[in-house]
PDB file of N, CA and C in Angstrom:
ATOM      1  N   UNK A   1      86.904  53.994 -38.986  1.00  0.00           N
ATOM      2  CA  UNK A   1      85.611  53.839 -39.448  1.00  0.00           C
ATOM      3  C   UNK A   1      85.519  52.405 -39.994  1.00  0.00           C
ATOM      4  N   UNK A   2      86.508  51.818 -40.155  1.00  0.00           N
ATOM      5  CA  UNK A   2      86.618  50.361 -40.598  1.00  0.00           C
ATOM      6  C   UNK A   2      86.041  49.511 -39.352  1.00  0.00           C
ATOM      7  N   UNK A   3      86.397  49.964 -38.206  1.00  0.00           N
ATOM      8  CA  UNK A   3      85.922  49.136 -36.950  1.00  0.00           C
ATOM      9  C   UNK A   3      84.424  49.240 -36.966  1.00  0.00           C
ATOM     10  N   UNK A   4      83.807  50.603 -37.071  1.00  0.00           N
ATOM     11  CA  UNK A   4      82.438  50.625 -37.042  1.00  0.00           C
ATOM     12  C   UNK A   4      81.818  49.844 -38.186  1.00  0.00           C
ATOM     13  N   UNK A   5      82.330  50.012 -39.233  1.00  0.00           N
ATOM     14  CA  UNK A   5      81.632  49.143 -40.324  1.00  0.00           C
ATOM     15  C   UNK A   5      81.546  47.734 -39.944  1.00  0.00           C
ATOM     16  N   UNK A   6      82.904  47.201 -39.348  1.00  0.00           N
ATOM     17  CA  UNK A   6      82.956  45.724 -38.889  1.00  0.00           C
ATOM     18  C   UNK A   6      81.949  45.552 -37.719  1.00  0.00           C
ATOM     19  N   UNK A   7      81.763  46.328 -37.020  1.00  0.00           N
ATOM     20  CA  UNK A   7      80.726  46.248 -35.855  1.00  0.00           C
ATOM     21  C   UNK A   7      79.099  46.318 -36.565  1.00  0.00           C
ATOM     22  N   UNK A   8      78.831  47.050 -37.501  1.00  0.00           N
ATOM     23  CA  UNK A   8      77.929  46.878 -38.074  1.00  0.00           C
ATOM     24  C   UNK A   8      77.476  45.614 -38.892  1.00  0.00           C
ATOM     25  N   UNK A   9      78.426  45.035 -39.390  1.00  0.00           N
ATOM     26  CA  UNK A   9      78.370  43.789 -40.174  1.00  0.00           C
ATOM     27  C   UNK A   9      78.372  42.535 -39.315  1.00  0.00           C
ATOM     28  N   UNK A  10      78.934  42.802 -38.335  1.00  0.00           N
ATOM     29  CA  UNK A  10      78.825  41.699 -36.963  1.00  0.00           C
ATOM     30  C   UNK A  10      77.509  41.628 -36.641  1.00  0.00           C
ATOM     31  N   UNK A  11      76.711  42.897 -36.589  1.00  0.00           N
ATOM     32  CA  UNK A  11      75.287  42.937 -35.909  1.00  0.00           C
ATOM     33  C   UNK A  11      74.166  42.633 -37.095  1.00  0.00           C
ATOM     34  N   UNK A  12      74.723  42.256 -38.320  1.00  0.00           N
ATOM     35  CA  UNK A  12      73.781  41.852 -39.362  1.00  0.00           C
ATOM     36  C   UNK A  12      73.356  43.087 -40.387  1.00  0.00           C
ATOM     37  N   UNK A  13      74.230  43.925 -40.158  1.00  0.00           N
ATOM     38  CA  UNK A  13      73.697  45.149 -41.084  1.00  0.00           C
ATOM     39  C   UNK A  13      74.736  45.338 -42.335  1.00  0.00           C
ATOM     40  N   UNK A  14      74.537  46.275 -43.068  1.00  0.00           N
ATOM     41  CA  UNK A  14      75.160  46.734 -44.146  1.00  0.00           C
ATOM     42  C   UNK A  14      75.366  48.238 -44.181  1.00  0.00           C
ATOM     43  N   UNK A  15      76.675  48.825 -44.373  1.00  0.00           N
ATOM     44  CA  UNK A  15      76.928  50.274 -44.550  1.00  0.00           C
ATOM     45  C   UNK A  15      76.780  50.432 -45.895  1.00  0.00           C
ATOM     46  N   UNK A  16      75.904  51.495 -46.343  1.00  0.00           N
ATOM     47  CA  UNK A  16      75.831  52.023 -47.733  1.00  0.00           C
ATOM     48  C   UNK A  16      75.888  53.681 -47.523  1.00  0.00           C
ATOM     49  N   UNK A  17      76.643  54.252 -48.424  1.00  0.00           N
ATOM     50  CA  UNK A  17      76.353  55.852 -48.239  1.00  0.00           C
ATOM     51  C   UNK A  17      75.667  56.555 -49.604  1.00  0.00           C
ATOM     52  N   UNK A  18      74.914  57.446 -49.413  1.00  0.00           N
ATOM     53  CA  UNK A  18      74.395  57.956 -50.626  1.00  0.00           C
ATOM     54  C   UNK A  18      74.707  59.477 -50.549  1.00  0.00           C
ATOM     55  N   UNK A  19      75.210  60.126 -51.673  1.00  0.00           N
ATOM     56  CA  UNK A  19      75.622  61.498 -51.719  1.00  0.00           C
ATOM     57  C   UNK A  19      75.047  61.860 -53.180  1.00  0.00           C
ATOM     58  N   UNK A  20      74.851  63.387 -53.243  1.00  0.00           N
ATOM     59  CA  UNK A  20      74.298  63.936 -54.517  1.00  0.00           C
ATOM     60  C   UNK A  20      75.398  64.077 -55.577  1.00  0.00           C
ATOM     61  N   UNK A  21      76.755  63.487 -55.319  1.00  0.00           N
ATOM     62  CA  UNK A  21      77.722  63.503 -56.198  1.00  0.00           C
ATOM     63  C   UNK A  21      77.467  62.613 -57.337  1.00  0.00           C
ATOM     64  N   UNK A  22      78.191  62.827 -58.356  1.00  0.00           N
ATOM     65  CA  UNK A  22      77.992  61.726 -59.654  1.00  0.00           C
ATOM     66  C   UNK A  22      78.587  60.609 -59.261  1.00  0.00           C
ATOM     67  N   UNK A  23      78.358  59.658 -60.208  1.00  0.00           N
ATOM     68  CA  UNK A  23      78.775  58.177 -59.987  1.00  0.00           C
ATOM     69  C   UNK A  23      80.237  58.287 -60.065  1.00  0.00           C
ATOM     70  N   UNK A  24      81.036  59.012 -60.924  1.00  0.00           N
ATOM     71  CA  UNK A  24      82.229  59.176 -61.176  1.00  0.00           C
ATOM     72  C   UNK A  24      83.177  59.749 -59.904  1.00  0.00           C
ATOM     73  N   UNK A  25      82.469  60.714 -59.266  1.00  0.00           N
ATOM     74  CA  UNK A  25      82.993  61.329 -57.983  1.00  0.00           C
ATOM     75  C   UNK A  25      82.860  60.496 -56.913  1.00  0.00           C
ATOM     76  N   UNK A  26      81.885  59.597 -56.905  1.00  0.00           N
ATOM     77  CA  UNK A  26      81.766  58.591 -55.818  1.00  0.00           C
ATOM     78  C   UNK A  26      82.845  57.600 -56.003  1.00  0.00           C
ATOM     79  N   UNK A  27      83.089  57.233 -57.178  1.00  0.00           N
ATOM     80  CA  UNK A  27      84.072  56.159 -57.167  1.00  0.00           C
ATOM     81  C   UNK A  27      85.522  56.564 -57.062  1.00  0.00           C
ATOM     82  N   UNK A  28      85.830  57.946 -57.349  1.00  0.00           N
ATOM     83  CA  UNK A  28      86.976  58.472 -57.143  1.00  0.00           C
ATOM     84  C   UNK A  28      87.145  58.501 -55.552  1.00  0.00           C
ATOM     85  N   UNK A  29      86.279  58.967 -54.863  1.00  0.00           N
ATOM     86  CA  UNK A  29      86.245  59.310 -53.333  1.00  0.00           C
ATOM     87  C   UNK A  29      86.430  58.009 -52.873  1.00  0.00           C
ATOM     88  N   UNK A  30      85.913  56.997 -53.334  1.00  0.00           N
ATOM     89  CA  UNK A  30      86.110  55.495 -52.643  1.00  0.00           C
ATOM     90  C   UNK A  30      87.227  55.189 -52.709  1.00  0.00           C
ATOM     91  N   UNK A  31      87.886  55.289 -53.967  1.00  0.00           N
ATOM     92  CA  UNK A  31      89.465  54.960 -54.171  1.00  0.00           C
ATOM     93  C   UNK A  31      90.242  55.745 -53.330  1.00  0.00           C
ATOM     94  N   UNK A  32      89.970  56.886 -53.270  1.00  0.00           N
ATOM     95  CA  UNK A  32      91.179  57.906 -52.455  1.00  0.00           C
ATOM     96  C   UNK A  32      91.052  57.317 -50.801  1.00  0.00           C
ATOM     97  N   UNK A  33      89.688  57.272 -50.595  1.00  0.00           N
ATOM     98  CA  UNK A  33      89.415  57.005 -48.959  1.00  0.00           C
ATOM     99  C   UNK A  33      89.838  55.419 -48.898  1.00  0.00           C
ATOM    100  N   UNK A  34      89.748  54.434 -49.713  1.00  0.00           N
ATOM    101  CA  UNK A  34      89.879  53.132 -49.471  1.00  0.00           C
ATOM    102  C   UNK A  34      88.684  52.408 -48.795  1.00  0.00           C
ATOM    103  N   UNK A  35      87.384  53.167 -49.158  1.00  0.00           N
ATOM    104  CA  UNK A  35      86.061  52.763 -48.743  1.00  0.00           C
ATOM    105  C   UNK A  35      85.582  51.349 -49.103  1.00  0.00           C
ATOM    106  N   UNK A  36      85.527  50.481 -48.070  1.00  0.00           N
ATOM    107  CA  UNK A  36      85.027  49.045 -48.311  1.00  0.00           C
ATOM    108  C   UNK A  36      83.408  48.866 -48.589  1.00  0.00           C
ATOM    109  N   UNK A  37      82.645  50.186 -48.582  1.00  0.00           N
ATOM    110  CA  UNK A  37      81.235  49.883 -48.674  1.00  0.00           C
ATOM    111  C   UNK A  37      80.775  50.702 -49.761  1.00  0.00           C
ATOM    112  N   UNK A  38      79.457  50.483 -50.336  1.00  0.00           N
ATOM    113  CA  UNK A  38      79.106  50.981 -51.608  1.00  0.00           C
ATOM    114  C   UNK A  38      78.720  52.454 -51.148  1.00  0.00           C
ATOM    115  N   UNK A  39      79.196  53.186 -52.118  1.00  0.00           N
ATOM    116  CA  UNK A  39      79.018  54.720 -52.267  1.00  0.00           C
ATOM    117  C   UNK A  39      77.783  54.963 -53.487  1.00  0.00           C
ATOM    118  N   UNK A  40      76.605  55.403 -53.009  1.00  0.00           N
ATOM    119  CA  UNK A  40      75.570  55.409 -54.095  1.00  0.00           C
ATOM    120  C   UNK A  40      75.296  56.969 -54.386  1.00  0.00           C
ATOM    121  N   UNK A  41      74.998  57.162 -55.759  1.00  0.00           N
ATOM    122  CA  UNK A  41      74.986  58.413 -56.198  1.00  0.00           C
ATOM    123  C   UNK A  41      73.395  58.549 -56.135  1.00  0.00           C
ATOM    124  N   UNK A  42      72.958  59.960 -55.464  1.00  0.00           N
ATOM    125  CA  UNK A  42      71.561  60.442 -55.621  1.00  0.00           C
ATOM    126  C   UNK A  42      71.592  61.825 -56.741  1.00  0.00           C
ATOM    127  N   UNK A  43      72.243  61.660 -57.887  1.00  0.00           N
ATOM    128  CA  UNK A  43      72.521  62.434 -58.761  1.00  0.00           C
ATOM    129  C   UNK A  43      71.369  63.668 -59.029  1.00  0.00           C
ATOM    130  N   UNK A  44      70.176  62.567 -59.426  1.00  0.00           N
ATOM    131  CA  UNK A  44      68.784  63.315 -59.638  1.00  0.00           C
ATOM    132  C   UNK A  44      68.193  63.684 -58.380  1.00  0.00           C
ATOM    133  N   UNK A  45      68.772  63.667 -57.389  1.00  0.00           N
ATOM    134  CA  UNK A  45      68.198  64.228 -55.909  1.00  0.00           C
ATOM    135  C   UNK A  45      66.588  63.840 -55.614  1.00  0.00           C
ATOM    136  N   UNK A  46      66.556  62.540 -55.591  1.00  0.00           N
ATOM    137  CA  UNK A  46      65.390  61.904 -55.484  1.00  0.00           C
ATOM    138  C   UNK A  46      65.334  61.185 -53.894  1.00  0.00           C
ATOM    139  N   UNK A  47      66.399  60.499 -53.615  1.00  0.00           N
ATOM    140  CA  UNK A  47      66.436  59.737 -52.331  1.00  0.00           C
ATOM    141  C   UNK A  47      66.557  60.992 -51.142  1.00  0.00           C
ATOM    142  N   UNK A  48      67.367  62.002 -51.218  1.00  0.00           N
ATOM    143  CA  UNK A  48      67.436  62.908 -50.177  1.00  0.00           C
ATOM    144  C   UNK A  48      66.282  63.469 -49.733  1.00  0.00           C
ATOM    145  N   UNK A  49      65.440  64.252 -50.728  1.00  0.00           N
ATOM    146  CA  UNK A  49      64.077  64.650 -50.497  1.00  0.00           C
ATOM    147  C   UNK A  49      63.292  63.678 -49.912  1.00  0.00           C
ATOM    148  N   UNK A  50      63.273  62.344 -50.549  1.00  0.00           N
ATOM    149  CA  UNK A  50      62.367  61.311 -49.839  1.00  0.00           C
ATOM    150  C   UNK A  50      62.522  61.039 -48.468  1.00  0.00           C
ATOM    151  N   UNK A  51      63.723  60.957 -48.015  1.00  0.00           N
ATOM    152  CA  UNK A  51      63.962  60.936 -46.540  1.00  0.00           C
ATOM    153  C   UNK A  51      64.198  62.058 -45.841  1.00  0.00           C
ATOM    154  N   UNK A  52      63.819  63.243 -46.379  1.00  0.00           N
ATOM    155  CA  UNK A  52      63.475  64.476 -45.683  1.00  0.00           C
ATOM    156  C   UNK A  52      65.044  64.978 -45.093  1.00  0.00           C
ATOM    157  N   UNK A  53      66.117  64.861 -45.984  1.00  0.00           N
ATOM    158  CA  UNK A  53      67.468  65.156 -45.378  1.00  0.00           C
ATOM    159  C   UNK A  53      67.953  66.048 -46.855  1.00  0.00           C
ATOM    160  N   UNK A  54      67.326  66.791 -47.269  1.00  0.00           N
ATOM    161  CA  UNK A  54      67.868  67.874 -48.218  1.00  0.00           C
ATOM    162  C   UNK A  54      67.731  69.295 -47.745  1.00  0.00           C
ATOM    163  N   UNK A  55      68.971  69.764 -47.839  1.00  0.00           N
ATOM    164  CA  UNK A  55      69.167  71.411 -47.656  1.00  0.00           C
ATOM    165  C   UNK A  55      68.157  72.004 -48.973  1.00  0.00           C
ATOM    166  N   UNK A  56      67.467  73.178 -48.573  1.00  0.00           N
ATOM    167  CA  UNK A  56      66.899  73.938 -49.560  1.00  0.00           C
ATOM    168  C   UNK A  56      68.161  74.633 -50.262  1.00  0.00           C
ATOM    169  N   UNK A  57      69.053  75.219 -49.596  1.00  0.00           N
ATOM    170  CA  UNK A  57      70.219  75.855 -49.885  1.00  0.00           C
ATOM    171  C   UNK A  57      71.162  75.668 -48.818  1.00  0.00           C
ATOM    172  N   UNK A  58      72.435  75.147 -49.271  1.00  0.00           N
ATOM    173  CA  UNK A  58      73.601  75.204 -48.191  1.00  0.00           C
ATOM    174  C   UNK A  58      74.896  75.621 -48.724  1.00  0.00           C
ATOM    175  N   UNK A  59      75.266  76.709 -48.352  1.00  0.00           N
ATOM    176  CA  UNK A  59      76.352  77.264 -48.929  1.00  0.00           C
ATOM    177  C   UNK A  59      76.218  77.644 -50.207  1.00  0.00           C
ATOM    178  N   UNK A  60      75.179  78.020 -50.858  1.00  0.00           N
ATOM    179  CA  UNK A  60      74.998  78.621 -52.016  1.00  0.00           C
ATOM    180  C   UNK A  60      74.636  77.373 -53.140  1.00  0.00           C
ATOM    181  N   UNK A  61      74.474  76.299 -52.575  1.00  0.00           N
ATOM    182  CA  UNK A  61      74.408  74.953 -53.442  1.00  0.00           C
ATOM    183  C   UNK A  61      72.942  74.439 -53.093  1.00  0.00           C
ATOM    184  N   UNK A  62      72.103  74.397 -54.072  1.00  0.00           N
ATOM    185  CA  UNK A  62      70.925  73.721 -54.045  1.00  0.00           C
ATOM    186  C   UNK A  62      70.629  72.246 -54.003  1.00  0.00           C
ATOM    187  N   UNK A  63      69.827  71.586 -53.144  1.00  0.00           N
ATOM    188  CA  UNK A  63      69.528  70.290 -53.232  1.00  0.00           C
ATOM    189  C   UNK A  63      70.631  69.396 -52.482  1.00  0.00           C
ATOM    190  N   UNK A  64      71.465  69.990 -51.797  1.00  0.00           N
ATOM    191  CA  UNK A  64      72.580  69.207 -51.142  1.00  0.00           C
ATOM    192  C   UNK A  64      72.044  68.290 -50.127  1.00  0.00           C
ATOM    193  N   UNK A  65      72.371  67.097 -49.853  1.00  0.00           N
ATOM    194  CA  UNK A  65      71.936  66.234 -48.710  1.00  0.00           C
ATOM    195  C   UNK A  65      72.570  66.368 -47.359  1.00  0.00           C
ATOM    196  N   UNK A  66      71.736  66.475 -46.334  1.00  0.00           N
ATOM    197  CA  UNK A  66      72.373  66.757 -45.025  1.00  0.00           C
ATOM    198  C   UNK A  66      73.047  65.359 -44.600  1.00  0.00           C
ATOM    199  N   UNK A  67      74.166  65.402 -43.618  1.00  0.00           N
ATOM    200  CA  UNK A  67      74.620  64.428 -43.139  1.00  0.00           C
ATOM    201  C   UNK A  67      73.481  63.790 -42.275  1.00  0.00           C
ATOM    202  N   UNK A  68      73.407  62.488 -42.425  1.00  0.00           N
ATOM    203  CA  UNK A  68      72.486  61.737 -41.616  1.00  0.00           C
ATOM    204  C   UNK A  68      72.631  60.223 -41.892  1.00  0.00           C
ATOM    205  N   UNK A  69      72.066  59.483 -40.933  1.00  0.00           N
ATOM    206  CA  UNK A  69      72.117  58.088 -40.727  1.00  0.00           C
ATOM    207  C   UNK A  69      70.847  57.434 -40.491  1.00  0.00           C
ATOM    208  N   UNK A  70      70.597  56.222 -41.147  1.00  0.00           N
ATOM    209  CA  UNK A  70      69.287  55.743 -41.158  1.00  0.00           C
ATOM    210  C   UNK A  70      69.669  54.011 -40.870  1.00  0.00           C
ATOM    211  N   UNK A  71      68.886  53.416 -39.955  1.00  0.00           N
ATOM    212  CA  UNK A  71      68.878  52.031 -39.850  1.00  0.00           C
ATOM    213  C   UNK A  71      67.240  51.540 -40.247  1.00  0.00           C
ATOM    214  N   UNK A  72      67.458  50.798 -41.364  1.00  0.00           N
ATOM    215  CA  UNK A  72      66.297  50.341 -42.195  1.00  0.00           C
ATOM    216  C   UNK A  72      66.420  48.989 -42.035  1.00  0.00           C
ATOM    217  N   UNK A  73      65.432  48.340 -41.518  1.00  0.00           N
ATOM    218  CA  UNK A  73      65.188  46.914 -41.355  1.00  0.00           C
ATOM    219  C   UNK A  73      64.705  46.185 -42.614  1.00  0.00           C
ATOM    220  N   UNK A  74      64.829  44.847 -42.584  1.00  0.00           N
ATOM    221  CA  UNK A  74      64.467  43.884 -43.767  1.00  0.00           C
ATOM    222  C   UNK A  74      63.128  44.080 -44.457  1.00  0.00           C
ATOM    223  N   UNK A  75      62.207  44.729 -43.847  1.00  0.00           N
ATOM    224  CA  UNK A  75      60.909  44.998 -44.320  1.00  0.00           C
ATOM    225  C   UNK A  75      60.933  46.434 -44.893  1.00  0.00           C
ATOM    226  N   UNK A  76      61.961  47.162 -44.832  1.00  0.00           N
ATOM    227  CA  UNK A  76      62.075  48.529 -45.371  1.00  0.00           C
ATOM    228  C   UNK A  76      61.659  49.418 -44.352  1.00  0.00           C
ATOM    229  N   UNK A  77      61.434  49.393 -43.033  1.00  0.00           N
ATOM    230  CA  UNK A  77      60.773  50.147 -42.103  1.00  0.00           C
ATOM    231  C   UNK A  77      62.160  50.920 -41.420  1.00  0.00           C
ATOM    232  N   UNK A  78      62.109  52.274 -41.420  1.00  0.00           N
ATOM    233  CA  UNK A  78      62.990  52.919 -40.686  1.00  0.00           C
ATOM    234  C   UNK A  78      63.157  52.794 -39.118  1.00  0.00           C
ATOM    235  N   UNK A  79      63.916  52.246 -38.561  1.00  0.00           N
ATOM    236  CA  UNK A  79      64.061  51.930 -37.280  1.00  0.00           C
ATOM    237  C   UNK A  79      64.894  52.974 -36.449  1.00  0.00           C
ATOM    238  N   UNK A  80      65.508  53.659 -37.126  1.00  0.00           N
ATOM    239  CA  UNK A  80      66.539  54.904 -36.554  1.00  0.00           C
ATOM    240  C   UNK A  80      66.839  55.865 -37.505  1.00  0.00           C
ATOM    241  N   UNK A  81      66.950  57.112 -37.170  1.00  0.00           N
ATOM    242  CA  UNK A  81      66.960  58.299 -38.010  1.00  0.00           C
ATOM    243  C   UNK A  81      67.849  59.314 -37.232  1.00  0.00           C
ATOM    244  N   UNK A  82      69.123  59.669 -37.802  1.00  0.00           N
ATOM    245  CA  UNK A  82      69.842  60.740 -37.299  1.00  0.00           C
ATOM    246  C   UNK A  82      70.101  61.965 -38.400  1.00  0.00           C
ATOM    247  N   UNK A  83      69.923  63.000 -38.167  1.00  0.00           N
ATOM    248  CA  UNK A  83      70.219  64.102 -39.164  1.00  0.00           C
ATOM    249  C   UNK A  83      70.742  65.406 -38.409  1.00  0.00           C
ATOM    250  N   UNK A  84      71.659  66.182 -39.210  1.00  0.00           N
ATOM    251  CA  UNK A  84      72.218  67.268 -38.462  1.00  0.00           C
ATOM    252  C   UNK A  84      72.007  68.206 -39.761  1.00  0.00           C
ATOM    253  N   UNK A  85      72.059  69.447 -39.217  1.00  0.00           N
ATOM    254  CA  UNK A  85      72.087  70.620 -40.257  1.00  0.00           C
ATOM    255  C   UNK A  85      73.623  71.091 -40.186  1.00  0.00           C
ATOM    256  N   UNK A  86      74.404  70.556 -39.307  1.00  0.00           N
ATOM    257  CA  UNK A  86      75.905  70.922 -39.453  1.00  0.00           C
ATOM    258  C   UNK A  86      76.587  69.987 -39.851  1.00  0.00           C
ATOM    259  N   UNK A  87      76.915  70.027 -41.226  1.00  0.00           N
ATOM    260  CA  UNK A  87      77.768  68.900 -42.002  1.00  0.00           C
ATOM    261  C   UNK A  87      79.330  68.418 -41.300  1.00  0.00           C
ATOM    262  N   UNK A  88      79.669  69.440 -40.246  1.00  0.00           N
ATOM    263  CA  UNK A  88      80.954  68.822 -39.523  1.00  0.00           C
ATOM    264  C   UNK A  88      80.550  68.061 -38.421  1.00  0.00           C
ATOM    265  N   UNK A  89      79.337  68.032 -38.129  1.00  0.00           N
ATOM    266  CA  UNK A  89      79.150  66.830 -36.802  1.00  0.00           C
ATOM    267  C   UNK A  89      78.870  65.418 -37.419  1.00  0.00           C
ATOM    268  N   UNK A  90      79.672  64.630 -36.653  1.00  0.00           N
ATOM    269  CA  UNK A  90      79.415  63.293 -37.099  1.00  0.00           C
ATOM    270  C   UNK A  90      78.469  62.487 -36.368  1.00  0.00           C
ATOM    271  N   UNK A  91      77.828  61.662 -36.844  1.00  0.00           N
ATOM    272  CA  UNK A  91      76.862  60.860 -35.891  1.00  0.00           C
ATOM    273  C   UNK A  91      77.524  60.002 -34.912  1.00  0.00           C
ATOM    274  N   UNK A  92      76.623  59.701 -33.958  1.00  0.00           N
ATOM    275  CA  UNK A  92      77.090  58.826 -32.694  1.00  0.00           C
ATOM    276  C   UNK A  92      77.048  57.330 -33.249  1.00  0.00           C
ATOM    277  N   UNK A  93      77.936  56.911 -34.004  1.00  0.00           N
ATOM    278  CA  UNK A  93      78.055  55.403 -34.491  1.00  0.00           C
ATOM    279  C   UNK A  93      77.892  54.221 -33.382  1.00  0.00           C
ATOM    280  N   UNK A  94      78.154  54.427 -32.049  1.00  0.00           N
ATOM    281  CA  UNK A  94      77.587  53.553 -31.203  1.00  0.00           C
ATOM    282  C   UNK A  94      76.232  53.547 -30.828  1.00  0.00           C
ATOM    283  N   UNK A  95      75.605  54.686 -30.928  1.00  0.00           N
ATOM    284  CA  UNK A  95      74.193  54.567 -30.867  1.00  0.00           C
ATOM    285  C   UNK A  95      73.300  54.020 -31.976  1.00  0.00           C
ATOM    286  N   UNK A  96      73.902  54.092 -33.200  1.00  0.00           N
ATOM    287  CA  UNK A  96      73.359  53.599 -34.302  1.00  0.00           C
ATOM    288  C   UNK A  96      73.692  51.952 -34.271  1.00  0.00           C
ATOM    289  N   UNK A  97      74.747  51.428 -33.800  1.00  0.00           N
ATOM    290  CA  UNK A  97      74.971  49.986 -33.819  1.00  0.00           C
ATOM    291  C   UNK A  97      74.169  49.356 -32.923  1.00  0.00           C
ATOM    292  N   UNK A  98      73.956  50.090 -31.529  1.00  0.00           N
ATOM    293  CA  UNK A  98      73.030  49.618 -30.593  1.00  0.00           C
ATOM    294  C   UNK A  98      71.784  49.472 -31.068  1.00  0.00           C
ATOM    295  N   UNK A  99      71.077  50.022 -32.006  1.00  0.00           N
ATOM    296  CA  UNK A  99      69.759  50.048 -32.573  1.00  0.00           C
ATOM    297  C   UNK A  99      69.693  48.907 -33.433  1.00  0.00           C
ATOM    298  N   UNK A 100      70.934  48.880 -34.317  1.00  0.00           N
ATOM    299  CA  UNK A 100      70.947  47.597 -35.150  1.00  0.00           C
ATOM    300  C   UNK A 100      71.054  46.324 -34.263  1.00  0.00           C
ATOM    301  N   UNK A 101      71.688  46.154 -33.166  1.00  0.00           N
ATOM    302  CA  UNK A 101      71.770  45.034 -32.573  1.00  0.00           C
ATOM    303  C   UNK A 101      70.483  44.729 -31.782  1.00  0.00           C
ATOM    304  N   UNK A 102      69.736  45.589 -31.697  1.00  0.00           N
ATOM    305  CA  UNK A 102      68.411  45.401 -31.061  1.00  0.00           C
ATOM    306  C   UNK A 102      67.421  44.731 -32.128  1.00  0.00           C
ATOM    307  N   UNK A 103      67.685  44.778 -33.246  1.00  0.00           N
ATOM    308  CA  UNK A 103      66.728  44.252 -34.206  1.00  0.00           C
ATOM    309  C   UNK A 103      66.819  42.909 -34.498  1.00  0.00           C
TER     310      UNK A 103
END
């Protein structure tokens, strides 16, 4: 993942992760994995529905965010969107980086 993060930064982008976990859970997760990018908390569940990536119910849990990737330009316009209903599927990071490089 660090290689992909470096490629995103080289293309002028920044990696930011958002999850419905608490700030404290995000901090522990980042420390455990040695994540070098910000992990933001959507604890109040306002971001995921605003971007249309919230499950109604997933494995008995309400309001969980779907795995997704967005490329948002400097003006705040979404230039790329990838969303999956299967949390085990990883995004195509190369496709994401290619979009970012075109901006």
